[in-house]
Every structure is written in structure tokens, then in C-alpha cells.
């Protein structure tokens, strides 16, 4: 008789887009272990979103310790917790090393660490989109027997819970109904400028969408506020929320937006997962077949985003708007 799985650890540390895609696997892990106490080991930026999700009983945010003392404390806690099973959704050298450090009596471990008891075998994983790759990992761990692993077949993450778990402000009697709004994500990784559509192109798109009666909302980190100001010069009423939203608040914005347009960056993934009809812009710097957002998503690929015409994005945007 197999031992009941009562304590589960899920590890996911990475960038926002990767974390959002992993929510699909996290949902399946919760469905496979409905009565287990499931802990997420992650990093501070994902704490609010993870705590709102219905998948975890607790969230620990020291998954990427910066010094030896913190690392020792983390490993000691993992040993003492005596997890019945660990799902390593990060599967990198750091988390593989965590597994080795828990020897000689490691927990049952789903991942790619050498010697783990629930390994994901085969080299096909390196050519799979994140969603199919993690579905295959859970299939090989025995918790998702009919997991869809063919290209394009795995379901996108579902963030419908975000609206159920956030308080709605009371409507003000007599106040005008809020106008439909479009979310723009003009930023992205500072060291990957080739993944950005030019800010002036976003400004032209914003003016076109404003003319169709839509409000413009710009989101991103505080370092992207200069881009927001540039767009506001073209559309004076555009709202600048750069640096003013955590990931949970961004998901709520995405759930209520009529459209999101963004570069290949984490917030675009989050808005798509939250349900916003989304246009994701990809250069040759990354491959949407391996890491693109899924859902109500149109991916536009251009080898050089500087050469991508505003008219191409505008026509795609108009086709996604409610008619």
C-alpha cells in the first residue's frame, strides 16, 4: 500500500512569464492532492499572486538565498519539513543542487535532478513549450495520466479565480460607467532591447485606439515610466500605472480589459492568463513555440520589431475588440 501524500512542496522561482505558465501545472498538482498541505517555494515578487491562488496552503519566499547562511537555513527547513513529495517546476542547476543537498534521504522528487525518484526522462522536453513540458513532467510523475503533450495541446493557465478572490469597490450611485480600456506593455527586460517594439509605435497605436473610444492604460515597472510619459504626449489622457501595481493587481486589470498589447515580457503573459484578449509581439530573440502566452492570444512575429508597422498591430487589435 503506497504511503498517503500529505505534505507537498512545489518549487518555482523564475521570471514572471515562467511563473504564470507554471500556474497550469500548479492547478493539476492541487487537483492530484486535494487534501495535502501544499507549500510553494518561490521568491518575493510572486508572494501576493501565489497567496491569492487556490493552489497553496502556504507560500515561502526564500527560494533563492543570496548568502551561505540563508542557504543553510533553507536546506535545514526543507529537511525538517519531511515532504512526501516535491514537484520541481524550476528544473535548473540551483534546484537540482537542492535535491543533491537533501541526500542521503531526499523526498520523492519530480524533476530532472540526477537520482531523483520521479524523473522526467527524454530529450524531447528541450523542444517543448513550457505548458507541454510541465504536463509531460506531471504525466511521468503519475499524477496526470492523460496529460496533453502534443504541440499546442496543453491548456493555458486559468486565472479566473483572481476576480473571485479580490474585493470589488462598491459602485458610486450616479457615477458614469467606466469606459473600456486597453492595457499597453511597452517595456521588458532592460538588457534585451531587441524584444521591444519602439515606444513611438505604441504611442501611435494608443492614439488610434483612443480615437475608437477606448481608454489607454500603460503598465510596467517603475523603470518604464519614461516610456509611459512618451505615450502620454500622444494621448494626453492615457493613465500611467508603471511601478504602481503588484502582480495580483495586474491580473485583476487584465481580467477586466478589452485588450492588451505587449512585448514578450512577463506582464503580457499575466494579462493573457487573466483573460485579456492579447497581442504579443515577438522578435527573433525568442520563440513563441517554446514560451509564448496562450489563451485568447494573437502572436505577431517580426524578425526586427523596429520594422513592424503600426498598421499591422492596429488591424490585429481591431479584430480582437468586441464588435
Protein backbone atom coordinates (compact mmCIF):
# COMPACT_ATOMS: atom_id res chain seq x y z
CA UNK A 1 0.00 0.00 0.00
CA UNK A 2 1.50 3.32 -1.06
CA UNK A 3 2.02 5.98 1.55
CA UNK A 4 -0.54 8.79 1.58
CA UNK A 5 0.89 12.05 0.30
CA UNK A 6 0.14 14.63 2.98
CA UNK A 7 2.89 17.23 2.55
CA UNK A 8 3.85 18.54 -0.88
CA UNK A 9 6.41 21.15 -1.93
CA UNK A 10 6.22 22.96 -5.28
CA UNK A 11 9.30 24.91 -6.38
CA UNK A 12 9.01 27.77 -8.88
CA UNK A 13 11.45 30.65 -8.69
CA UNK A 14 11.86 32.06 -12.18
CA UNK A 15 10.76 35.06 -14.17
CA UNK A 16 7.15 36.26 -14.25
CA UNK A 17 6.25 34.73 -17.62
CA UNK A 18 7.59 31.35 -16.50
CA UNK A 19 5.73 31.60 -13.19
CA UNK A 20 2.45 32.42 -14.94
CA UNK A 21 2.77 29.45 -17.32
CA UNK A 22 3.54 27.18 -14.34
CA UNK A 23 0.16 28.05 -12.79
CA UNK A 24 -1.34 25.46 -15.15
CA UNK A 25 0.81 22.70 -13.62
CA UNK A 26 0.17 24.05 -10.12
CA UNK A 27 -3.57 23.65 -10.69
CA UNK A 28 -3.06 20.00 -11.68
CA UNK A 29 -0.88 19.35 -8.63
CA UNK A 30 -3.64 20.68 -6.36
CA UNK A 31 -6.24 18.52 -8.16
CA UNK A 32 -3.98 15.46 -7.72
CA UNK A 33 -3.52 16.13 -3.98
CA UNK A 34 -6.78 17.76 -2.86
CA UNK A 35 -6.26 17.10 0.87
CA UNK A 36 -2.50 17.60 1.06
CA UNK A 37 -0.80 20.60 2.64
CA UNK A 38 0.92 22.17 -0.36
CA UNK A 39 3.73 24.67 0.13
CA UNK A 40 5.17 26.86 -2.63
CA UNK A 41 8.86 27.76 -2.51
CA UNK A 42 9.32 30.90 -4.60
CA UNK A 43 10.70 34.46 -4.46
CA UNK A 44 9.17 37.67 -3.03
CA UNK A 45 7.67 39.15 -6.24
CA UNK A 46 5.25 36.20 -6.57
CA UNK A 47 4.03 36.12 -2.97
CA UNK A 48 0.80 38.15 -3.36
CA UNK A 49 -0.31 36.32 -6.51
CA UNK A 50 0.52 32.88 -5.07
CA UNK A 51 -1.32 33.59 -1.82
CA UNK A 52 -4.44 34.62 -3.74
CA UNK A 53 -4.34 31.44 -5.80
CA UNK A 54 -6.34 28.39 -4.64
CA UNK A 55 -3.37 26.05 -5.01
CA UNK A 56 -1.25 26.53 -1.87
CA UNK A 57 -1.66 26.31 1.89
CA UNK A 58 1.49 28.31 2.48
CA UNK A 59 4.00 30.34 0.49
CA UNK A 60 7.71 30.64 1.33
CA UNK A 61 9.72 33.30 -0.49
CA UNK A 62 13.36 32.47 0.33
CA UNK A 63 13.81 30.07 -2.59
CA UNK A 64 16.81 31.94 -3.99
CA UNK A 65 19.04 32.66 -0.98
CA UNK A 66 21.84 35.14 -1.56
CA UNK A 67 24.34 34.03 1.08
CA UNK A 68 25.56 30.86 2.73
CA UNK A 69 23.71 31.44 5.98
CA UNK A 70 20.34 31.81 4.26
CA UNK A 71 21.06 28.77 2.08
CA UNK A 72 21.89 26.66 5.13
CA UNK A 73 18.68 27.79 6.83
CA UNK A 74 16.61 26.92 3.74
CA UNK A 75 18.07 23.43 3.40
CA UNK A 76 17.63 22.79 7.11
CA UNK A 77 13.96 23.78 6.89
CA UNK A 78 13.40 21.58 3.83
CA UNK A 79 14.91 18.60 5.66
CA UNK A 80 12.86 19.16 8.79
CA UNK A 81 9.61 19.56 6.81
CA UNK A 82 9.82 15.92 5.67
CA UNK A 83 7.86 16.47 2.47
CA UNK A 84 6.22 13.38 0.99
CA UNK A 85 6.75 14.74 -2.50
CA UNK A 86 8.45 17.66 -4.25
CA UNK A 87 7.49 18.98 -7.68
CA UNK A 88 10.43 20.94 -9.04
CA UNK A 89 8.90 23.16 -11.74
CA UNK A 90 12.10 25.21 -11.97
CA UNK A 91 14.36 22.29 -13.06
CA UNK A 92 17.58 24.30 -13.21
CA UNK A 93 21.03 23.81 -11.73
CA UNK A 94 20.03 25.54 -8.48
CA UNK A 95 17.05 23.31 -7.73
CA UNK A 96 18.91 20.21 -8.92
CA UNK A 97 21.56 21.09 -6.35
CA UNK A 98 18.87 21.46 -3.65
CA UNK A 99 17.90 17.86 -4.34
CA UNK A 100 21.50 16.64 -4.06
CA UNK A 101 21.93 18.58 -0.80
CA UNK A 102 18.95 16.72 0.72
CA UNK A 103 20.65 13.33 0.27
CA UNK A 104 21.03 10.67 1.59
CA UNK A 105 17.30 10.65 2.34
CA UNK A 106 15.70 13.03 -0.20
CA UNK A 107 11.93 13.23 -0.59
CA UNK A 108 10.20 11.73 -3.62
CA UNK A 109 11.16 14.30 -6.27
CA UNK A 110 9.61 15.12 -9.65
CA UNK A 111 12.11 16.87 -11.89
CA UNK A 112 15.36 16.26 -13.73
CA UNK A 113 17.84 16.07 -10.83
CA UNK A 114 20.20 13.11 -11.18
CA UNK A 115 18.99 10.27 -8.98
CA UNK A 116 15.53 11.66 -8.27
CA UNK A 117 12.73 9.11 -7.87
CA UNK A 118 10.22 10.66 -10.33
CA UNK A 119 12.43 11.81 -13.21
CA UNK A 120 11.21 13.42 -16.39
CA UNK A 121 13.06 11.34 -18.97
CA UNK A 122 13.85 12.02 -22.60
CA UNK A 123 15.33 14.90 -24.54
CA UNK A 124 12.01 15.91 -26.10
CA UNK A 125 11.43 18.25 -23.11
CA UNK A 126 14.02 20.66 -24.53
CA UNK A 127 11.90 21.20 -27.66
CA UNK A 128 8.55 21.51 -25.85
CA UNK A 129 6.59 24.61 -24.99
CA UNK A 130 6.63 25.17 -21.22
CA UNK A 131 2.98 24.08 -20.90
CA UNK A 132 3.51 20.73 -22.66
CA UNK A 133 6.86 20.19 -20.94
CA UNK A 134 5.34 20.57 -17.47
CA UNK A 135 2.32 18.47 -18.46
CA UNK A 136 4.76 15.74 -19.51
CA UNK A 137 6.62 16.09 -16.21
CA UNK A 138 3.40 15.53 -14.25
CA UNK A 139 2.46 12.63 -16.56
CA UNK A 140 5.79 10.94 -15.84
CA UNK A 141 5.25 11.60 -12.12
CA UNK A 142 1.97 9.67 -12.37
CA UNK A 143 -0.42 12.47 -11.40
CA UNK A 144 -1.72 13.47 -14.86
CA UNK A 145 -2.09 10.20 -16.80
CA UNK A 146 -3.76 11.71 -19.87
CA UNK A 147 -1.66 14.88 -19.93
CA UNK A 148 -1.76 16.62 -23.34
CA UNK A 149 1.81 16.76 -24.60
CA UNK A 150 1.40 17.31 -28.34
CA UNK A 151 2.49 20.78 -29.53
CA UNK A 152 -0.17 23.37 -28.74
CA UNK A 153 -2.39 20.93 -26.84
CA UNK A 154 -1.83 21.76 -23.16
CA UNK A 155 -4.35 24.20 -21.67
CA UNK A 156 -3.20 27.70 -20.73
CA UNK A 157 -3.15 28.78 -17.10
CA UNK A 158 -6.56 29.78 -15.73
CA UNK A 159 -6.65 32.86 -13.52
CA UNK A 160 -10.43 33.15 -13.28
CA UNK A 161 -10.03 32.89 -9.50
CA UNK A 162 -8.39 36.31 -9.37
CA UNK A 163 -11.72 38.18 -9.53
CA UNK A 164 -13.40 35.87 -7.02
CA UNK A 165 -10.62 36.48 -4.53
CA UNK A 166 -10.33 40.27 -4.79
CA UNK A 167 -12.80 42.74 -3.32
CA UNK A 168 -14.76 44.82 -5.80
CA UNK A 169 -15.16 48.51 -4.93
CA UNK A 170 -18.79 49.49 -4.49
CA UNK A 171 -20.21 51.34 -7.48
CA UNK A 172 -20.87 55.02 -6.84
CA UNK A 173 -24.52 55.91 -7.49
CA UNK A 174 -24.80 58.34 -10.39
CA UNK A 175 -21.20 57.90 -11.49
CA UNK A 176 -20.63 57.31 -15.22
CA UNK A 177 -19.93 53.74 -16.25
CA UNK A 178 -16.20 53.08 -16.64
CA UNK A 179 -15.02 53.17 -20.23
CA UNK A 180 -13.49 50.06 -21.81
CA UNK A 181 -9.73 50.16 -21.59
CA UNK A 182 -6.66 48.78 -23.35
CA UNK A 183 -3.51 47.78 -21.47
CA UNK A 184 -0.17 48.55 -23.11
CA UNK A 185 3.07 46.84 -22.05
CA UNK A 186 5.82 48.83 -23.83
CA UNK A 187 8.71 47.66 -21.63
CA UNK A 188 10.55 44.47 -20.94
CA UNK A 189 13.96 43.28 -19.91
CA UNK A 190 16.38 46.23 -20.00
CA UNK A 191 19.20 44.06 -21.35
CA UNK A 192 17.06 42.71 -24.19
CA UNK A 193 16.06 45.87 -26.12
CA UNK A 194 15.57 43.80 -29.31
CA UNK A 195 12.45 42.32 -27.66
CA UNK A 196 10.77 45.74 -27.53
CA UNK A 197 8.52 47.36 -30.12
CA UNK A 198 9.50 51.06 -30.28
CA UNK A 199 7.74 53.31 -27.78
CA UNK A 200 6.75 55.71 -30.57
CA UNK A 201 4.92 52.83 -32.24
CA UNK A 202 2.99 52.19 -29.03
CA UNK A 203 2.18 55.91 -28.91
CA UNK A 204 0.76 55.82 -32.46
CA UNK A 205 -1.26 52.70 -31.64
CA UNK A 206 -2.56 54.35 -28.46
CA UNK A 207 -3.78 57.36 -30.45
CA UNK A 208 -5.61 55.09 -32.92
CA UNK A 209 -7.29 53.11 -30.12
CA UNK A 210 -8.17 56.27 -28.20
CA UNK A 211 -9.93 57.53 -31.32
CA UNK A 212 -12.13 54.41 -31.18
CA UNK A 213 -13.37 55.39 -27.71
CA UNK A 214 -11.03 53.30 -25.61
CA UNK A 215 -9.12 54.41 -22.53
CA UNK A 216 -5.37 53.75 -22.59
CA UNK A 217 -3.61 52.30 -19.54
CA UNK A 218 0.17 51.79 -19.52
CA UNK A 219 1.67 49.21 -17.17
CA UNK A 220 5.18 48.09 -16.32
CA UNK A 221 7.89 48.59 -13.74
CA UNK A 222 9.00 51.96 -12.35
CA UNK A 223 11.94 51.95 -14.78
CA UNK A 224 9.44 52.17 -17.65
CA UNK A 225 7.74 55.39 -16.58
CA UNK A 226 9.69 57.37 -19.22
CA UNK A 227 8.02 55.23 -21.90
CA UNK A 228 4.65 55.96 -20.34
CA UNK A 229 5.33 59.70 -20.45
CA UNK A 230 6.27 59.42 -24.13
CA UNK A 231 2.94 57.70 -24.86
CA UNK A 232 1.09 60.31 -22.81
CA UNK A 233 2.46 63.02 -25.12
CA UNK A 234 0.50 61.37 -27.95
CA UNK A 235 -2.57 60.55 -25.81
CA UNK A 236 -2.83 63.08 -23.03
CA UNK A 237 -5.47 61.17 -21.05
CA UNK A 238 -3.52 57.89 -21.03
CA UNK A 239 -3.13 56.54 -17.49
CA UNK A 240 0.36 55.72 -16.29
CA UNK A 241 0.36 52.81 -13.83
CA UNK A 242 4.05 51.91 -14.26
CA UNK A 243 5.52 50.96 -10.91
CA UNK A 244 2.13 51.16 -9.18
CA UNK A 245 0.78 47.61 -9.43
CA UNK A 246 1.83 44.28 -7.98
CA UNK A 247 1.26 41.10 -9.98
CA UNK A 248 -2.07 40.36 -8.31
CA UNK A 249 -3.36 43.85 -9.20
CA UNK A 250 -2.11 43.43 -12.76
CA UNK A 251 -4.08 40.20 -13.07
CA UNK A 252 -7.27 41.99 -11.97
CA UNK A 253 -6.64 44.71 -14.57
CA UNK A 254 -6.13 42.03 -17.22
CA UNK A 255 -9.34 40.23 -16.28
CA UNK A 256 -11.35 43.40 -16.98
CA UNK A 257 -9.51 44.76 -20.03
CA UNK A 258 -10.96 44.61 -23.54
CA UNK A 259 -7.44 44.27 -24.98
CA UNK A 260 -3.77 44.02 -24.01
CA UNK A 261 -0.84 44.71 -26.35
CA UNK A 262 2.65 43.96 -25.17
CA UNK A 263 6.14 42.76 -25.86
CA UNK A 264 7.43 39.30 -24.97
CA UNK A 265 7.67 40.05 -21.26
CA UNK A 266 6.16 38.68 -18.05
CA UNK A 267 3.27 41.14 -17.63
CA UNK A 268 1.99 40.26 -21.12
CA UNK A 269 1.83 36.61 -20.05
CA UNK A 270 0.00 37.58 -16.88
CA UNK A 271 -2.61 39.71 -18.67
CA UNK A 272 -3.25 36.93 -21.21
CA UNK A 273 -3.66 34.34 -18.45
CA UNK A 274 -6.06 36.64 -16.63
CA UNK A 275 -8.30 36.60 -19.71
CA UNK A 276 -7.47 39.77 -21.62
CA UNK A 277 -7.61 39.35 -25.41
CA UNK A 278 -3.90 39.82 -26.02
CA UNK A 279 -1.49 40.70 -28.82
CA UNK A 280 2.03 39.52 -28.02
CA UNK A 281 4.87 40.91 -30.11
CA UNK A 282 7.87 38.65 -30.71
CA UNK A 283 11.18 39.36 -32.42
CA UNK A 284 13.68 36.69 -33.38
CA UNK A 285 15.12 36.96 -29.86
CA UNK A 286 12.69 34.35 -28.50
CA UNK A 287 10.48 31.60 -29.86
CA UNK A 288 6.73 31.69 -29.03
CA UNK A 289 6.60 27.96 -29.93
CA UNK A 290 8.57 27.36 -26.71
CA UNK A 291 7.49 30.15 -24.41
CA UNK A 292 4.65 32.22 -25.90
CA UNK A 293 1.49 33.07 -23.95
CA UNK A 294 -1.63 31.04 -24.74
CA UNK A 295 -5.33 31.72 -24.45
CA UNK A 296 -7.18 34.46 -26.35
CA UNK A 297 -3.83 35.47 -27.86
CA UNK A 298 -2.60 36.69 -31.23
CA UNK A 299 1.17 36.38 -31.63
CA UNK A 300 2.75 38.74 -34.14
CA UNK A 301 6.29 37.82 -35.12
CA UNK A 302 8.72 40.20 -36.77
CA UNK A 303 12.44 39.45 -37.07
CA UNK A 304 13.13 43.09 -36.20
CA UNK A 305 10.41 44.77 -34.14
CA UNK A 306 11.62 48.21 -35.23
CA UNK A 307 10.34 47.30 -38.71
CA UNK A 308 6.90 46.11 -37.53
CA UNK A 309 4.30 48.57 -38.91
CA UNK A 310 1.78 50.14 -36.55
CA UNK A 311 -0.92 49.30 -39.10
CA UNK A 312 -0.24 45.55 -38.70
CA UNK A 313 -0.70 45.69 -34.93
CA UNK A 314 -3.67 48.07 -35.19
CA UNK A 315 -5.58 45.80 -37.56
CA UNK A 316 -4.96 42.81 -35.26
CA UNK A 317 -6.11 44.91 -32.30
CA UNK A 318 -9.32 46.00 -34.00
CA UNK A 319 -10.14 42.40 -34.92
CA UNK A 320 -9.86 41.38 -31.25
CA UNK A 321 -12.05 44.20 -29.94
CA UNK A 322 -15.71 43.42 -29.16
CA UNK A 323 -17.93 44.38 -32.07
